[in-house]
Amino acid sequence: MAMEKSGPDPRGETVPDSGEATVLAEPVWQLMLVCVGCGGVGGWLLTLLANLWLSLPWVPMKGPARLLTSVPEPWLTVGAVAVGLVLGLLLGFVAVYESLTARISDSRVVLTIRDSDQEFAHDEIALACRDGKQLVLVAPDGGELARERCGLPWRRLAEAFAAHGYDWGAPQGS
């Protein structure tokens, strides 16, 4: 979880009276590391599962497992891990593309997801809150301005909204 501010102070702390924006985003390197690591391990496990598949007499469709295990070692393991790494890298790019970035300032909130921005002025937002795993921005009339799946740490998100003068809490009637 990266918490950055625009401007000269990169420490990641929210300074409410400075007028600087607080940017909250899931770190790209973390998402990519998890996806690529899981892909590599998954490729390696595939070779083990193919051998196990062939050793069980009652398992159907042994053809793909025979084809996979017909590749000599170490090329089988190297190839399976390489394919897993590439698939993990692709999954990582999708995860980064789908992740939410919130830029919170005293004057506006900008939510960025899937390369599109939703911008809301401070006076348009009566409440920012969590609903399950979703970030919800509520208008003064009680209607929803935005509802986005959010993997950001809720405590930091609440602190950032509160530090910039937004109400954070449970929606009315909850």
C-alpha atoms as a PDB file:
ATOM      1  CA  MET A   1       0.000   0.000   0.000  1.00  0.00           C
ATOM      2  CA  ALA A   2       1.617   3.216  -1.089  1.00  0.00           C
ATOM      3  CA  MET A   3       0.564   6.428   0.521  1.00  0.00           C
ATOM      4  CA  GLU A   4       2.145   9.354  -1.247  1.00  0.00           C
ATOM      5  CA  LYS A   5       1.562  13.064  -1.467  1.00  0.00           C
ATOM      6  CA  SER A   6       2.029  15.255  -4.426  1.00  0.00           C
ATOM      7  CA  GLY A   7       4.557  17.935  -3.697  1.00  0.00           C
ATOM      8  CA  PRO A   8       7.960  17.926  -2.034  1.00  0.00           C
ATOM      9  CA  ASP A   9       7.176  15.738   1.004  1.00  0.00           C
ATOM     10  CA  PRO A  10       7.255  12.048  -0.093  1.00  0.00           C
ATOM     11  CA  ARG A  11       7.054  10.505   3.392  1.00  0.00           C
ATOM     12  CA  GLY A  12       3.481   9.297   2.947  1.00  0.00           C
ATOM     13  CA  GLU A  13       1.963  11.182   5.834  1.00  0.00           C
ATOM     14  CA  THR A  14      -1.195  13.204   5.433  1.00  0.00           C
ATOM     15  CA  VAL A  15      -0.786  16.921   6.092  1.00  0.00           C
ATOM     16  CA  PRO A  16      -4.334  18.278   6.330  1.00  0.00           C
ATOM     17  CA  ASP A  17      -3.615  21.993   6.214  1.00  0.00           C
ATOM     18  CA  SER A  18      -1.056  21.916   3.419  1.00  0.00           C
ATOM     19  CA  GLY A  19      -3.505  21.603   0.532  1.00  0.00           C
ATOM     20  CA  GLU A  20      -1.494  18.727  -0.892  1.00  0.00           C
ATOM     21  CA  ALA A  21      -3.225  15.615  -2.144  1.00  0.00           C
ATOM     22  CA  THR A  22      -2.825  12.245  -0.465  1.00  0.00           C
ATOM     23  CA  VAL A  23      -2.495   9.437  -3.006  1.00  0.00           C
ATOM     24  CA  LEU A  24      -3.370   5.912  -1.949  1.00  0.00           C
ATOM     25  CA  ALA A  25      -2.598   3.074  -4.345  1.00  0.00           C
ATOM     26  CA  GLU A  26      -1.670  -0.566  -4.149  1.00  0.00           C
ATOM     27  CA  PRO A  27       2.031  -0.872  -4.975  1.00  0.00           C
ATOM     28  CA  VAL A  28       2.593  -2.185  -8.479  1.00  0.00           C
ATOM     29  CA  TRP A  29       5.669  -4.162  -7.437  1.00  0.00           C
ATOM     30  CA  GLN A  30       3.691  -5.965  -4.735  1.00  0.00           C
ATOM     31  CA  LEU A  31       0.863  -6.965  -7.077  1.00  0.00           C
ATOM     32  CA  MET A  32       3.322  -8.097  -9.747  1.00  0.00           C
ATOM     33  CA  LEU A  33       5.497 -10.022  -7.274  1.00  0.00           C
ATOM     34  CA  VAL A  34       2.532 -11.964  -5.925  1.00  0.00           C
ATOM     35  CA  CYS A  35       1.151 -12.764  -9.377  1.00  0.00           C
ATOM     36  CA  VAL A  36       4.493 -13.731 -10.925  1.00  0.00           C
ATOM     37  CA  GLY A  37       5.494 -15.750  -7.843  1.00  0.00           C
ATOM     38  CA  CYS A  38       2.198 -17.611  -7.809  1.00  0.00           C
ATOM     39  CA  GLY A  39       2.483 -18.242 -11.553  1.00  0.00           C
ATOM     40  CA  GLY A  40       5.976 -19.717 -11.219  1.00  0.00           C
ATOM     41  CA  VAL A  41       4.978 -21.927  -8.309  1.00  0.00           C
ATOM     42  CA  GLY A  42       1.825 -22.936 -10.180  1.00  0.00           C
ATOM     43  CA  GLY A  43       3.874 -23.993 -13.203  1.00  0.00           C
ATOM     44  CA  TRP A  44       6.165 -26.083 -11.023  1.00  0.00           C
ATOM     45  CA  LEU A  45       3.181 -27.682  -9.253  1.00  0.00           C
ATOM     46  CA  LEU A  46       1.681 -28.543 -12.635  1.00  0.00           C
ATOM     47  CA  THR A  47       4.610 -30.866 -13.344  1.00  0.00           C
ATOM     48  CA  LEU A  48       4.117 -32.592  -9.982  1.00  0.00           C
ATOM     49  CA  LEU A  49       0.385 -32.925 -10.543  1.00  0.00           C
ATOM     50  CA  ALA A  50       0.923 -34.397 -14.015  1.00  0.00           C
ATOM     51  CA  ASN A  51       3.094 -37.155 -12.527  1.00  0.00           C
ATOM     52  CA  LEU A  52       0.530 -37.767  -9.780  1.00  0.00           C
ATOM     53  CA  TRP A  53      -2.271 -37.816 -12.383  1.00  0.00           C
ATOM     54  CA  LEU A  54      -0.515 -40.589 -14.305  1.00  0.00           C
ATOM     55  CA  SER A  55       0.075 -42.666 -11.165  1.00  0.00           C
ATOM     56  CA  LEU A  56      -3.631 -42.882 -10.330  1.00  0.00           C
ATOM     57  CA  PRO A  57      -5.375 -45.700 -12.251  1.00  0.00           C
ATOM     58  CA  TRP A  58      -8.903 -44.311 -11.923  1.00  0.00           C
ATOM     59  CA  VAL A  59      -8.205 -40.795 -13.298  1.00  0.00           C
ATOM     60  CA  PRO A  60      -9.625 -40.054 -16.796  1.00  0.00           C
ATOM     61  CA  MET A  61      -7.959 -38.115 -19.619  1.00  0.00           C
ATOM     62  CA  LYS A  62      -4.363 -39.112 -19.086  1.00  0.00           C
ATOM     63  CA  GLY A  63      -3.343 -37.932 -22.573  1.00  0.00           C
ATOM     64  CA  PRO A  64      -2.497 -34.313 -21.651  1.00  0.00           C
ATOM     65  CA  ALA A  65      -0.547 -35.483 -18.594  1.00  0.00           C
ATOM     66  CA  ARG A  66       1.402 -38.007 -20.718  1.00  0.00           C
ATOM     67  CA  LEU A  67       2.180 -35.297 -23.254  1.00  0.00           C
ATOM     68  CA  LEU A  68       3.401 -32.967 -20.518  1.00  0.00           C
ATOM     69  CA  THR A  69       5.558 -35.589 -18.805  1.00  0.00           C
ATOM     70  CA  SER A  70       7.031 -36.743 -22.130  1.00  0.00           C
ATOM     71  CA  VAL A  71       9.205 -33.613 -22.114  1.00  0.00           C
ATOM     72  CA  PRO A  72      12.584 -34.540 -20.612  1.00  0.00           C
ATOM     73  CA  GLU A  73      13.834 -32.957 -17.404  1.00  0.00           C
ATOM     74  CA  PRO A  74      15.048 -30.298 -16.714  1.00  0.00           C
ATOM     75  CA  TRP A  75      13.198 -28.789 -19.682  1.00  0.00           C
ATOM     76  CA  LEU A  76       9.819 -29.869 -18.333  1.00  0.00           C
ATOM     77  CA  THR A  77      10.288 -27.987 -15.078  1.00  0.00           C
ATOM     78  CA  VAL A  78      11.999 -25.001 -16.690  1.00  0.00           C
ATOM     79  CA  GLY A  79       9.306 -24.735 -19.360  1.00  0.00           C
ATOM     80  CA  ALA A  80       6.420 -25.135 -16.913  1.00  0.00           C
ATOM     81  CA  VAL A  81       7.862 -22.536 -14.550  1.00  0.00           C
ATOM     82  CA  ALA A  82       8.530 -20.146 -17.467  1.00  0.00           C
ATOM     83  CA  VAL A  83       4.969 -20.506 -18.755  1.00  0.00           C
ATOM     84  CA  GLY A  84       3.683 -19.975 -15.206  1.00  0.00           C
ATOM     85  CA  LEU A  85       5.803 -16.836 -14.844  1.00  0.00           C
ATOM     86  CA  VAL A  86       4.487 -15.399 -18.114  1.00  0.00           C
ATOM     87  CA  LEU A  87       0.882 -16.157 -17.151  1.00  0.00           C
ATOM     88  CA  GLY A  88       1.519 -14.645 -13.714  1.00  0.00           C
ATOM     89  CA  LEU A  89       2.963 -11.528 -15.350  1.00  0.00           C
ATOM     90  CA  LEU A  90      -0.144 -11.176 -17.518  1.00  0.00           C
ATOM     91  CA  LEU A  91      -2.358 -11.648 -14.468  1.00  0.00           C
ATOM     92  CA  GLY A  92      -0.286  -9.015 -12.648  1.00  0.00           C
ATOM     93  CA  PHE A  93      -0.895  -6.489 -15.424  1.00  0.00           C
ATOM     94  CA  VAL A  94      -4.630  -7.159 -15.178  1.00  0.00           C
ATOM     95  CA  ALA A  95      -4.493  -6.766 -11.370  1.00  0.00           C
ATOM     96  CA  VAL A  96      -2.680  -3.425 -11.669  1.00  0.00           C
ATOM     97  CA  TYR A  97      -5.166  -2.254 -14.302  1.00  0.00           C
ATOM     98  CA  GLU A  98      -8.119  -3.230 -12.079  1.00  0.00           C
ATOM     99  CA  SER A  99      -6.738  -1.743  -8.834  1.00  0.00           C
ATOM    100  CA  LEU A 100      -8.098   1.473  -7.348  1.00  0.00           C
ATOM    101  CA  THR A 101      -6.049   4.628  -6.816  1.00  0.00           C
ATOM    102  CA  ALA A 102      -7.545   7.368  -4.647  1.00  0.00           C
ATOM    103  CA  ARG A 103      -6.234  10.946  -4.756  1.00  0.00           C
ATOM    104  CA  ILE A 104      -7.720  12.867  -1.844  1.00  0.00           C
ATOM    105  CA  SER A 105      -7.226  16.603  -1.386  1.00  0.00           C
ATOM    106  CA  ASP A 106      -8.982  19.375   0.483  1.00  0.00           C
ATOM    107  CA  SER A 107     -10.881  20.382  -2.661  1.00  0.00           C
ATOM    108  CA  ARG A 108     -11.611  17.092  -4.473  1.00  0.00           C
ATOM    109  CA  VAL A 109     -11.411  13.318  -4.571  1.00  0.00           C
ATOM    110  CA  VAL A 110     -10.269  11.533  -7.714  1.00  0.00           C
ATOM    111  CA  LEU A 111     -10.833   7.779  -7.985  1.00  0.00           C
ATOM    112  CA  THR A 112      -8.894   6.077 -10.784  1.00  0.00           C
ATOM    113  CA  ILE A 113      -9.646   2.543 -11.885  1.00  0.00           C
ATOM    114  CA  ARG A 114      -9.244   0.890 -15.308  1.00  0.00           C
ATOM    115  CA  ASP A 115      -7.592   4.053 -16.713  1.00  0.00           C
ATOM    116  CA  SER A 116     -10.644   6.206 -16.061  1.00  0.00           C
ATOM    117  CA  ASP A 117     -10.959   8.969 -13.493  1.00  0.00           C
ATOM    118  CA  GLN A 118     -14.009   9.897 -11.478  1.00  0.00           C
ATOM    119  CA  GLU A 119     -13.593  13.333  -9.932  1.00  0.00           C
ATOM    120  CA  PHE A 120     -15.774  14.712  -7.146  1.00  0.00           C
ATOM    121  CA  ALA A 121     -15.614  18.176  -5.566  1.00  0.00           C
ATOM    122  CA  HIS A 122     -15.479  18.378  -1.776  1.00  0.00           C
ATOM    123  CA  ASP A 123     -18.999  19.799  -1.524  1.00  0.00           C
ATOM    124  CA  GLU A 124     -20.409  16.898  -3.614  1.00  0.00           C
ATOM    125  CA  ILE A 125     -19.340  14.360  -0.946  1.00  0.00           C
ATOM    126  CA  ALA A 126     -21.325  14.146   2.277  1.00  0.00           C
ATOM    127  CA  LEU A 127     -19.762  10.881   3.445  1.00  0.00           C
ATOM    128  CA  ALA A 128     -17.073   8.415   2.476  1.00  0.00           C
ATOM    129  CA  CYS A 129     -17.499   4.935   3.901  1.00  0.00           C
ATOM    130  CA  ARG A 130     -16.726   1.269   3.618  1.00  0.00           C
ATOM    131  CA  ASP A 131     -19.360  -1.226   2.548  1.00  0.00           C
ATOM    132  CA  GLY A 132     -17.802  -4.670   2.703  1.00  0.00           C
ATOM    133  CA  LYS A 133     -14.819  -4.486   0.368  1.00  0.00           C
ATOM    134  CA  GLN A 134     -16.116  -1.428  -1.469  1.00  0.00           C
ATOM    135  CA  LEU A 135     -15.389   2.259  -1.054  1.00  0.00           C
ATOM    136  CA  VAL A 136     -18.595   4.283  -1.266  1.00  0.00           C
ATOM    137  CA  LEU A 137     -18.906   8.037  -1.706  1.00  0.00           C
ATOM    138  CA  VAL A 138     -22.316   9.381  -0.675  1.00  0.00           C
ATOM    139  CA  ALA A 139     -23.874  12.650  -1.900  1.00  0.00           C
ATOM    140  CA  PRO A 140     -25.573  15.133   0.452  1.00  0.00           C
ATOM    141  CA  ASP A 141     -28.988  13.897  -0.766  1.00  0.00           C
ATOM    142  CA  GLY A 142     -28.081  10.330   0.279  1.00  0.00           C
ATOM    143  CA  GLY A 143     -27.451   9.001  -3.223  1.00  0.00           C
ATOM    144  CA  GLU A 144     -24.298   7.137  -4.161  1.00  0.00           C
ATOM    145  CA  LEU A 145     -21.715   9.060  -6.118  1.00  0.00           C
ATOM    146  CA  ALA A 146     -19.329   6.139  -6.478  1.00  0.00           C
ATOM    147  CA  ARG A 147     -18.964   2.539  -5.371  1.00  0.00           C
ATOM    148  CA  GLU A 148     -15.680   0.835  -6.197  1.00  0.00           C
ATOM    149  CA  ARG A 149     -14.043  -2.409  -5.112  1.00  0.00           C
ATOM    150  CA  CYS A 150     -11.128  -1.365  -2.933  1.00  0.00           C
ATOM    151  CA  GLY A 151      -8.039  -3.266  -1.789  1.00  0.00           C
ATOM    152  CA  LEU A 152      -6.512  -0.292   0.023  1.00  0.00           C
ATOM    153  CA  PRO A 153      -6.007  -0.397   3.813  1.00  0.00           C
ATOM    154  CA  TRP A 154      -9.200   0.949   5.339  1.00  0.00           C
ATOM    155  CA  ARG A 155      -7.522   2.627   8.295  1.00  0.00           C
ATOM    156  CA  ARG A 156      -5.233   4.662   6.025  1.00  0.00           C
ATOM    157  CA  LEU A 157      -8.108   5.500   3.725  1.00  0.00           C
ATOM    158  CA  ALA A 158     -10.213   6.707   6.673  1.00  0.00           C
ATOM    159  CA  GLU A 159      -7.308   8.780   8.001  1.00  0.00           C
ATOM    160  CA  ALA A 160      -6.730  10.378   4.587  1.00  0.00           C
ATOM    161  CA  PHE A 161     -10.394  11.309   4.150  1.00  0.00           C
ATOM    162  CA  ALA A 162     -10.644  12.685   7.694  1.00  0.00           C
ATOM    163  CA  ALA A 163      -7.373  14.621   7.367  1.00  0.00           C
ATOM    164  CA  HIS A 164      -8.738  16.438   4.317  1.00  0.00           C
ATOM    165  CA  GLY A 165     -12.051  17.337   5.969  1.00  0.00           C
ATOM    166  CA  TYR A 166     -14.360  14.597   4.682  1.00  0.00           C
ATOM    167  CA  ASP A 167     -16.748  12.663   6.926  1.00  0.00           C
ATOM    168  CA  TRP A 168     -15.826   8.982   7.211  1.00  0.00           C
ATOM    169  CA  GLY A 169     -18.142   6.457   8.731  1.00  0.00           C
ATOM    170  CA  ALA A 170     -21.178   4.297   8.313  1.00  0.00           C
ATOM    171  CA  PRO A 171     -23.908   5.371   5.887  1.00  0.00           C
ATOM    172  CA  GLN A 172     -27.165   6.641   7.379  1.00  0.00           C
ATOM    173  CA  GLY A 173     -29.524   3.826   8.312  1.00  0.00           C
ATOM    174  CA  SER A 174     -26.757   1.210   8.634  1.00  0.00           C
END
